[in-house]
Amino acid sequence: MSTTEPCENGGTLQHRSLGEGDWHQELAIRSLLARCTRSLDRGEDEAEFLDCWTDDAVFLVSGKSLRSREERRLLFHGVQRPIRHMMTDSVITMDEDNGHHECNLLVFGDTDQGPYVRTHGFYSDHLLHTRSGWRLISRLVTKFA
């Protein structure tokens, strides 16, 4: 099965079912996404968080469009912690050096009374396979009311 979708960078992405040889690429994408959320949640490794993105990546969240490495760096340092992002029901599709990831999102905070859901929603990510591995080129965060 194959479908086509426009990308943030002006190109198009042809979705297809993963073949047997694609599983190592899917695992590489899943690892990138885990490193991205864990580094943001823990707030310990700015470089790891920033390395998950291409330099010209776009991060669309809460009506804001973060379009530079510096804006993503400020986001990293501005996150109210403790926080934990949980991505569920991930679907990854790829076409050559382009990838797409969609998932449900739960974001937890913590207080003296225990954890609580800060927000929930949906991630839609576009990825690019570079010489350094997979990187995010765009992330759209849709929050549910």
Protein backbone atom coordinates (compact mmCIF):
# COMPACT_ATOMS: atom_id res chain seq x y z
CA MET A 1 0.00 0.00 0.00
CA SER A 2 1.29 3.46 -0.88
CA THR A 3 0.02 7.05 -0.31
CA THR A 4 1.53 10.48 -1.00
CA GLU A 5 1.67 13.47 1.38
CA PRO A 6 3.23 16.98 1.15
CA CYS A 7 6.28 17.68 3.35
CA GLU A 8 7.12 20.86 5.27
CA ASN A 9 10.22 21.30 3.07
CA GLY A 10 8.08 21.62 -0.07
CA GLY A 11 8.61 18.07 -1.34
CA THR A 12 6.33 15.09 -1.13
CA LEU A 13 6.58 11.88 0.84
CA GLN A 14 5.35 8.61 -0.60
CA HIS A 15 4.25 6.36 2.26
CA ARG A 16 4.68 2.65 1.79
CA SER A 17 4.54 -0.36 4.03
CA LEU A 18 7.89 -1.24 5.57
CA GLY A 19 9.80 -4.01 3.89
CA GLU A 20 11.99 -6.54 5.64
CA GLY A 21 15.15 -4.47 5.11
CA ASP A 22 13.54 -1.32 6.56
CA TRP A 23 13.30 -2.51 10.16
CA HIS A 24 16.77 -1.32 11.12
CA GLN A 25 15.85 2.15 9.80
CA GLU A 26 12.61 2.14 11.80
CA LEU A 27 14.56 1.23 14.93
CA ALA A 28 16.97 4.09 14.23
CA ILE A 29 14.01 6.51 13.96
CA ARG A 30 12.46 5.18 17.19
CA SER A 31 15.81 5.63 18.95
CA LEU A 32 16.09 9.22 17.69
CA LEU A 33 12.59 10.06 18.93
CA ALA A 34 13.29 8.50 22.33
CA ARG A 35 16.55 10.46 22.68
CA CYS A 36 14.72 13.65 21.73
CA THR A 37 11.98 13.30 24.36
CA ARG A 38 14.23 11.92 27.10
CA SER A 39 16.79 14.68 26.72
CA LEU A 40 14.00 17.29 26.82
CA ASP A 41 12.34 15.65 29.83
CA ARG A 42 15.53 15.25 31.84
CA GLY A 43 16.97 18.65 30.91
CA GLU A 44 20.50 17.30 31.23
CA ASP A 45 21.83 17.23 27.68
CA GLU A 46 21.08 20.24 25.49
CA ALA A 47 23.44 19.00 22.76
CA GLU A 48 21.63 15.67 22.48
CA PHE A 49 18.25 17.40 22.14
CA LEU A 50 19.53 19.83 19.50
CA ASP A 51 21.28 17.04 17.59
CA CYS A 52 17.91 15.37 16.97
CA TRP A 53 16.93 18.16 14.54
CA THR A 54 18.25 19.47 11.23
CA ASP A 55 19.50 23.05 11.55
CA ASP A 56 16.52 24.38 9.56
CA ALA A 57 13.87 22.19 11.24
CA VAL A 58 10.44 23.59 12.12
CA PHE A 59 8.77 22.82 15.47
CA LEU A 60 5.11 23.89 15.57
CA VAL A 61 3.63 23.85 19.08
CA SER A 62 1.01 25.92 20.94
CA GLY A 63 0.61 28.34 18.05
CA LYS A 64 4.35 29.00 17.95
CA SER A 65 6.66 28.21 15.06
CA LEU A 66 10.20 27.51 16.27
CA ARG A 67 12.39 27.70 13.17
CA SER A 68 15.95 27.94 14.43
CA ARG A 69 18.42 26.02 16.54
CA GLU A 70 18.45 28.93 18.99
CA GLU A 71 14.65 28.84 19.40
CA ARG A 72 14.82 25.08 20.10
CA ARG A 73 17.63 25.73 22.60
CA LEU A 74 15.44 28.28 24.41
CA LEU A 75 12.58 25.76 24.43
CA PHE A 76 14.89 23.16 25.99
CA HIS A 77 15.82 25.53 28.83
CA GLY A 78 12.28 26.90 29.25
CA VAL A 79 10.52 23.59 29.90
CA GLN A 80 8.88 23.39 33.31
CA ARG A 81 10.26 20.20 34.88
CA PRO A 82 9.57 17.55 36.08
CA ILE A 83 7.94 16.46 32.83
CA ARG A 84 7.58 13.15 30.98
CA HIS A 85 6.48 12.79 27.35
CA MET A 86 4.89 9.42 26.50
CA MET A 87 4.45 8.57 22.82
CA THR A 88 2.03 5.72 22.05
CA ASP A 89 0.66 4.00 18.95
CA SER A 90 3.56 5.18 16.77
CA VAL A 91 3.32 4.62 13.03
CA ILE A 92 6.46 5.13 10.93
CA THR A 93 6.59 5.22 7.15
CA MET A 94 9.59 5.86 4.91
CA ASP A 95 10.43 6.67 1.31
CA GLU A 96 14.14 6.67 0.45
CA ASP A 97 15.72 9.27 2.77
CA ASN A 98 12.44 10.73 4.06
CA GLY A 99 10.38 9.43 6.94
CA HIS A 100 7.12 10.23 8.66
CA HIS A 101 6.12 9.43 12.24
CA GLU A 102 2.73 9.91 13.88
CA CYS A 103 1.74 9.05 17.43
CA ASN A 104 -0.54 9.85 20.32
CA LEU A 105 1.05 11.95 23.04
CA LEU A 106 0.61 12.15 26.81
CA VAL A 107 2.61 14.68 28.79
CA PHE A 108 2.84 14.16 32.54
CA GLY A 109 3.89 16.56 35.26
CA ASP A 110 4.51 15.79 38.91
CA THR A 111 3.54 17.46 42.18
CA ASP A 112 3.70 16.56 45.85
CA GLN A 113 0.28 14.96 45.37
CA GLY A 114 1.58 12.76 42.53
CA PRO A 115 1.71 12.73 38.74
CA TYR A 116 -0.95 14.32 36.55
CA VAL A 117 -1.63 14.69 32.80
CA ARG A 118 -0.45 18.15 31.74
CA THR A 119 -1.66 17.76 28.18
CA HIS A 120 -2.41 15.17 25.56
CA GLY A 121 -2.42 15.26 21.81
CA PHE A 122 -0.72 14.07 18.69
CA TYR A 123 2.73 14.33 17.08
CA SER A 124 3.22 14.46 13.33
CA ASP A 125 6.93 14.33 12.46
CA HIS A 126 8.82 14.48 9.19
CA LEU A 127 12.36 13.11 9.20
CA LEU A 128 15.36 13.15 6.92
CA HIS A 129 18.09 10.52 6.71
CA THR A 130 21.39 12.45 6.75
CA ARG A 131 25.05 11.34 6.79
CA SER A 132 24.77 11.55 10.59
CA GLY A 133 21.60 9.42 10.73
CA TRP A 134 17.91 10.31 10.98
CA ARG A 135 16.98 13.85 12.03
CA LEU A 136 13.68 15.67 12.55
CA ILE A 137 12.90 18.26 9.86
CA SER A 138 9.49 19.16 11.28
CA ARG A 139 7.28 18.36 14.24
CA LEU A 140 3.65 19.46 14.50
CA VAL A 141 2.15 19.13 17.97
CA THR A 142 -1.65 19.03 18.03
CA LYS A 143 -3.04 19.37 21.54
CA PHE A 144 -6.50 18.08 22.38
CA ALA A 145 -8.82 20.15 24.58
